Amino acid sequence: MTTPLDATARVALEFQAQQLRMIIERLSSVRELLPRAGIDWRGPAQELFDAGVLELHRDLTRARTLIETAEHRTTLALQQMGSYVG
């Protein structure tokens, strides 16, 4: 039997999953805007620029991985709720 608390939790989880998917899409869009390493620089400036760009790519990848994990766990929670709640 579904209680008002169950329904509230389901709505909150569905909203959370939707928001996390939106963030994932935005992170994908941001990735496309990032510069590539090794362009328009020479010598020490190129090394520093490349290091910064690579770090930015790594940070974005890490952020996306964490958000994808949160979205996956939220979806699992919704599925588990569905199996317990009619």
C-alpha atoms as a PDB file:
ATOM      1  CA  MET A   1       0.000   0.000   0.000  1.00  0.00           C
ATOM      2  CA  THR A   2       1.342   3.410  -0.975  1.00  0.00           C
ATOM      3  CA  THR A   3       1.439   6.010   1.762  1.00  0.00           C
ATOM      4  CA  PRO A   4       1.672   9.787   1.303  1.00  0.00           C
ATOM      5  CA  LEU A   5       5.268   9.546   2.547  1.00  0.00           C
ATOM      6  CA  ASP A   6       6.060   6.941  -0.142  1.00  0.00           C
ATOM      7  CA  ALA A   7       4.544   9.152  -2.815  1.00  0.00           C
ATOM      8  CA  THR A   8       6.492  12.179  -1.575  1.00  0.00           C
ATOM      9  CA  ALA A   9       9.742  10.226  -1.555  1.00  0.00           C
ATOM     10  CA  ARG A  10       9.092   8.926  -5.072  1.00  0.00           C
ATOM     11  CA  VAL A  11       8.419  12.436  -6.403  1.00  0.00           C
ATOM     12  CA  ALA A  12      11.581  13.714  -4.719  1.00  0.00           C
ATOM     13  CA  LEU A  13      13.677  10.895  -6.176  1.00  0.00           C
ATOM     14  CA  GLU A  14      12.200  11.371  -9.650  1.00  0.00           C
ATOM     15  CA  PHE A  15      12.971  15.095  -9.481  1.00  0.00           C
ATOM     16  CA  GLN A  16      16.490  14.351  -8.265  1.00  0.00           C
ATOM     17  CA  ALA A  17      17.098  11.888 -11.104  1.00  0.00           C
ATOM     18  CA  GLN A  18      15.805  14.422 -13.638  1.00  0.00           C
ATOM     19  CA  GLN A  19      18.082  17.138 -12.256  1.00  0.00           C
ATOM     20  CA  LEU A  20      21.093  14.825 -12.282  1.00  0.00           C
ATOM     21  CA  ARG A  21      20.417  13.880 -15.914  1.00  0.00           C
ATOM     22  CA  MET A  22      20.229  17.572 -16.779  1.00  0.00           C
ATOM     23  CA  ILE A  23      23.604  18.173 -15.106  1.00  0.00           C
ATOM     24  CA  ILE A  24      25.116  15.258 -17.047  1.00  0.00           C
ATOM     25  CA  GLU A  25      23.891  16.813 -20.296  1.00  0.00           C
ATOM     26  CA  ARG A  26      25.335  20.183 -19.342  1.00  0.00           C
ATOM     27  CA  LEU A  27      28.692  18.662 -18.454  1.00  0.00           C
ATOM     28  CA  SER A  28      28.726  17.027 -21.880  1.00  0.00           C
ATOM     29  CA  SER A  29      28.051  20.402 -23.491  1.00  0.00           C
ATOM     30  CA  VAL A  30      30.834  22.006 -21.457  1.00  0.00           C
ATOM     31  CA  ARG A  31      33.293  19.309 -22.545  1.00  0.00           C
ATOM     32  CA  GLU A  32      32.720  20.327 -26.161  1.00  0.00           C
ATOM     33  CA  LEU A  33      33.713  23.916 -25.290  1.00  0.00           C
ATOM     34  CA  LEU A  34      37.000  23.026 -23.609  1.00  0.00           C
ATOM     35  CA  PRO A  35      40.168  23.901 -25.481  1.00  0.00           C
ATOM     36  CA  ARG A  36      42.529  21.215 -26.652  1.00  0.00           C
ATOM     37  CA  ALA A  37      46.064  20.974 -25.370  1.00  0.00           C
ATOM     38  CA  GLY A  38      48.936  22.016 -27.626  1.00  0.00           C
ATOM     39  CA  ILE A  39      47.363  24.842 -29.582  1.00  0.00           C
ATOM     40  CA  ASP A  40      48.788  28.329 -30.105  1.00  0.00           C
ATOM     41  CA  TRP A  41      51.471  28.122 -27.425  1.00  0.00           C
ATOM     42  CA  ARG A  42      55.191  27.377 -27.426  1.00  0.00           C
ATOM     43  CA  GLY A  43      57.791  26.543 -24.775  1.00  0.00           C
ATOM     44  CA  PRO A  44      56.986  26.899 -21.052  1.00  0.00           C
ATOM     45  CA  ALA A  45      53.697  28.669 -21.798  1.00  0.00           C
ATOM     46  CA  GLN A  46      52.556  25.649 -23.813  1.00  0.00           C
ATOM     47  CA  GLU A  47      53.527  23.258 -21.018  1.00  0.00           C
ATOM     48  CA  LEU A  48      51.577  25.258 -18.435  1.00  0.00           C
ATOM     49  CA  PHE A  49      48.594  25.688 -20.736  1.00  0.00           C
ATOM     50  CA  ASP A  50      48.553  21.992 -21.625  1.00  0.00           C
ATOM     51  CA  ALA A  51      48.821  20.995 -17.970  1.00  0.00           C
ATOM     52  CA  GLY A  52      45.905  23.271 -17.086  1.00  0.00           C
ATOM     53  CA  VAL A  53      43.764  21.980 -19.943  1.00  0.00           C
ATOM     54  CA  LEU A  54      44.483  18.368 -19.041  1.00  0.00           C
ATOM     55  CA  GLU A  55      43.633  19.026 -15.402  1.00  0.00           C
ATOM     56  CA  LEU A  56      40.391  20.684 -16.450  1.00  0.00           C
ATOM     57  CA  HIS A  57      39.482  17.663 -18.586  1.00  0.00           C
ATOM     58  CA  ARG A  58      40.274  15.303 -15.683  1.00  0.00           C
ATOM     59  CA  ASP A  59      38.199  17.373 -13.242  1.00  0.00           C
ATOM     60  CA  LEU A  60      35.261  17.436 -15.636  1.00  0.00           C
ATOM     61  CA  THR A  61      35.507  13.682 -16.165  1.00  0.00           C
ATOM     62  CA  ARG A  62      35.586  13.125 -12.399  1.00  0.00           C
ATOM     63  CA  ALA A  63      32.583  15.388 -11.879  1.00  0.00           C
ATOM     64  CA  ARG A  64      30.620  13.623 -14.586  1.00  0.00           C
ATOM     65  CA  THR A  65      31.479  10.211 -13.139  1.00  0.00           C
ATOM     66  CA  LEU A  66      30.261  11.268  -9.700  1.00  0.00           C
ATOM     67  CA  ILE A  67      27.033  12.727 -11.071  1.00  0.00           C
ATOM     68  CA  GLU A  68      26.421   9.614 -13.197  1.00  0.00           C
ATOM     69  CA  THR A  69      26.921   7.458 -10.096  1.00  0.00           C
ATOM     70  CA  ALA A  70      24.431   9.581  -8.152  1.00  0.00           C
ATOM     71  CA  GLU A  71      21.911   9.339 -10.999  1.00  0.00           C
ATOM     72  CA  HIS A  72      22.374   5.565 -11.210  1.00  0.00           C
ATOM     73  CA  ARG A  73      21.867   5.146  -7.460  1.00  0.00           C
ATOM     74  CA  THR A  74      18.807   7.380  -7.543  1.00  0.00           C
ATOM     75  CA  THR A  75      17.343   5.275 -10.348  1.00  0.00           C
ATOM     76  CA  LEU A  76      18.069   2.102  -8.368  1.00  0.00           C
ATOM     77  CA  ALA A  77      16.331   3.586  -5.335  1.00  0.00           C
ATOM     78  CA  LEU A  78      13.286   4.343  -7.481  1.00  0.00           C
ATOM     79  CA  GLN A  79      13.273   0.791  -8.830  1.00  0.00           C
ATOM     80  CA  GLN A  80      13.542  -0.636  -5.331  1.00  0.00           C
ATOM     81  CA  MET A  81      10.711   1.584  -4.160  1.00  0.00           C
ATOM     82  CA  GLY A  82       8.630   0.323  -7.042  1.00  0.00           C
ATOM     83  CA  SER A  83       9.227  -3.263  -6.030  1.00  0.00           C
ATOM     84  CA  TYR A  84       8.174  -2.581  -2.434  1.00  0.00           C
ATOM     85  CA  VAL A  85       5.374  -0.133  -3.081  1.00  0.00           C
ATOM     86  CA  GLY A  86       2.407  -1.026  -5.238  1.00  0.00           C
END
